[in-house]
C-alpha atoms as a PDB file:
ATOM      1  CA  MET A   1     107.649 148.015 408.196  1.00  0.00           C
ATOM      2  CA  THR A   2     108.532 148.264 411.683  1.00  0.00           C
ATOM      3  CA  THR A   3     107.028 151.193 413.777  1.00  0.00           C
ATOM      4  CA  THR A   4     107.843 152.147 417.796  1.00  0.00           C
ATOM      5  CA  VAL A   5     104.920 153.479 419.899  1.00  0.00           C
ATOM      6  CA  ARG A   6     104.941 154.194 423.464  1.00  0.00           C
ATOM      7  CA  LEU A   7     102.090 153.495 425.287  1.00  0.00           C
ATOM      8  CA  PRO A   8     100.707 154.575 428.722  1.00  0.00           C
ATOM      9  CA  HIS A   9     100.642 151.609 431.088  1.00  0.00           C
ATOM     10  CA  ARG A  10      97.038 151.722 430.905  1.00  0.00           C
ATOM     11  CA  VAL A  11      96.576 151.092 427.671  1.00  0.00           C
ATOM     12  CA  GLU A  12      99.332 148.687 427.326  1.00  0.00           C
ATOM     13  CA  GLN A  13      97.389 146.780 429.784  1.00  0.00           C
ATOM     14  CA  ALA A  14      94.135 146.894 428.287  1.00  0.00           C
ATOM     15  CA  LEU A  15      95.662 146.140 425.356  1.00  0.00           C
ATOM     16  CA  ALA A  16      97.206 142.709 426.674  1.00  0.00           C
ATOM     17  CA  THR A  17      94.241 141.815 428.203  1.00  0.00           C
ATOM     18  CA  TYR A  18      92.140 142.046 424.803  1.00  0.00           C
ATOM     19  CA  CYS A  19      94.462 140.304 422.630  1.00  0.00           C
ATOM     20  CA  VAL A  20      94.499 137.231 425.535  1.00  0.00           C
ATOM     21  CA  GLU A  21      90.490 137.628 425.613  1.00  0.00           C
ATOM     22  CA  ALA A  22      90.213 137.731 421.929  1.00  0.00           C
ATOM     23  CA  LYS A  23      93.408 134.896 421.017  1.00  0.00           C
ATOM     24  CA  ARG A  24      94.712 138.081 418.475  1.00  0.00           C
ATOM     25  CA  THR A  25      98.280 139.360 418.784  1.00  0.00           C
ATOM     26  CA  LYS A  26      98.879 143.005 419.391  1.00  0.00           C
ATOM     27  CA  SER A  27      99.820 143.717 415.811  1.00  0.00           C
ATOM     28  CA  GLU A  28      96.806 142.259 414.570  1.00  0.00           C
ATOM     29  CA  VAL A  29      94.660 144.622 416.919  1.00  0.00           C
ATOM     30  CA  ILE A  30      96.756 147.772 416.282  1.00  0.00           C
ATOM     31  CA  VAL A  31      96.449 147.102 412.468  1.00  0.00           C
ATOM     32  CA  GLU A  32      92.809 146.978 412.608  1.00  0.00           C
ATOM     33  CA  LEU A  33      92.203 149.881 414.363  1.00  0.00           C
ATOM     34  CA  LEU A  34      94.812 152.332 412.497  1.00  0.00           C
ATOM     35  CA  GLU A  35      92.853 150.836 409.438  1.00  0.00           C
ATOM     36  CA  GLN A  36      89.611 151.759 410.571  1.00  0.00           C
ATOM     37  CA  ARG A  37      90.392 154.951 411.727  1.00  0.00           C
ATOM     38  CA  PHE A  38      92.564 155.818 408.460  1.00  0.00           C
ATOM     39  CA  MET A  39      91.076 154.191 405.870  1.00  0.00           C
ATOM     40  CA  GLY A  40      87.139 154.269 406.899  1.00  0.00           C
ATOM     41  CA  THR A  41      86.862 150.431 407.463  1.00  0.00           C
ATOM     42  CA  GLN A  42      83.626 149.381 409.538  1.00  0.00           C
ATOM     43  CA  THR A  43      83.248 146.997 411.823  1.00  0.00           C
ATOM     44  CA  GLY A  44      79.852 145.960 410.484  1.00  0.00           C
ATOM     45  CA  ARG A  45      78.768 146.238 413.913  1.00  0.00           C
ATOM     46  CA  THR A  46      75.127 148.510 414.028  1.00  0.00           C
ATOM     47  CA  PRO A  47      75.425 151.469 416.866  1.00  0.00           C
ATOM     48  CA  TYR A  48      73.049 149.316 419.040  1.00  0.00           C
ATOM     49  CA  GLU A  49      75.188 146.428 419.112  1.00  0.00           C
ATOM     50  CA  LEU A  50      78.099 148.885 419.957  1.00  0.00           C
ATOM     51  CA  ALA A  51      75.911 150.287 422.695  1.00  0.00           C
ATOM     52  CA  GLN A  52      74.859 147.097 423.834  1.00  0.00           C
ATOM     53  CA  GLU A  53      78.766 145.769 424.058  1.00  0.00           C
ATOM     54  CA  ALA A  54      79.686 149.196 426.085  1.00  0.00           C
ATOM     55  CA  GLY A  55      77.009 148.149 428.810  1.00  0.00           C
ATOM     56  CA  PHE A  56      74.745 150.943 427.886  1.00  0.00           C
ATOM     57  CA  ILE A  57      71.959 148.799 426.930  1.00  0.00           C
ATOM     58  CA  GLY A  58      69.989 146.602 429.074  1.00  0.00           C
ATOM     59  CA  CYS A  59      69.034 146.701 432.986  1.00  0.00           C
ATOM     60  CA  VAL A  60      69.931 145.603 436.208  1.00  0.00           C
ATOM     61  CA  GLY A  61      67.397 142.984 437.483  1.00  0.00           C
ATOM     62  CA  GLY A  62      66.394 142.678 440.385  1.00  0.00           C
ATOM     63  CA  LYS A  63      63.125 142.111 442.721  1.00  0.00           C
ATOM     64  CA  ASN A  64      61.899 145.746 441.863  1.00  0.00           C
ATOM     65  CA  SER A  65      63.129 146.019 438.561  1.00  0.00           C
ATOM     66  CA  GLY A  66      60.555 148.282 436.549  1.00  0.00           C
ATOM     67  CA  LYS A  67      58.464 148.981 439.714  1.00  0.00           C
ATOM     68  CA  ALA A  68      58.482 152.727 441.335  1.00  0.00           C
ATOM     69  CA  GLN A  69      60.396 152.653 444.628  1.00  0.00           C
ATOM     70  CA  PRO A  70      58.290 154.069 447.683  1.00  0.00           C
ATOM     71  CA  GLY A  71      58.703 157.625 447.591  1.00  0.00           C
ATOM     72  CA  SER A  72      60.291 157.612 444.352  1.00  0.00           C
ATOM     73  CA  THR A  73      59.830 160.931 441.532  1.00  0.00           C
ATOM     74  CA  LYS A  74      58.008 158.205 439.187  1.00  0.00           C
ATOM     75  CA  GLU A  75      55.552 157.037 442.288  1.00  0.00           C
ATOM     76  CA  ARG A  76      54.821 160.478 442.972  1.00  0.00           C
ATOM     77  CA  VAL A  77      54.111 161.478 439.549  1.00  0.00           C
ATOM     78  CA  VAL A  78      51.793 158.330 438.959  1.00  0.00           C
ATOM     79  CA  ALA A  79      49.780 159.033 442.096  1.00  0.00           C
ATOM     80  CA  ALA A  80      49.358 162.932 441.119  1.00  0.00           C
ATOM     81  CA  ILE A  81      47.982 162.025 437.841  1.00  0.00           C
ATOM     82  CA  ARG A  82      45.670 159.106 439.428  1.00  0.00           C
ATOM     83  CA  LYS A  83      44.323 161.591 441.727  1.00  0.00           C
ATOM     84  CA  LYS A  84      44.015 164.198 438.874  1.00  0.00           C
ATOM     85  CA  HIS A  85      42.073 161.744 436.567  1.00  0.00           C
ATOM     86  CA  ALA A  86      40.251 160.262 439.351  1.00  0.00           C
ATOM     87  CA  ARG A  87      36.473 159.911 438.452  1.00  0.00           C
END
């Protein structure tokens, strides 16, 4: 069955880019997404994997990664706790 859909330009560009990167046709991608939406087909990926792919999980590396910045809230809280519990 043939169906015509008008896509906003940004969506069409994103779909085209994805299809080139994934080496899949637009039809394959659209059918898969519609099946997931209406048939309840799962992707097989965990919520953690989905969040990681979306860029919500991970850290930004740098020379001060994981260290409190001078004058930062974390540094002031650590200093206040140490002062309170100093022996």
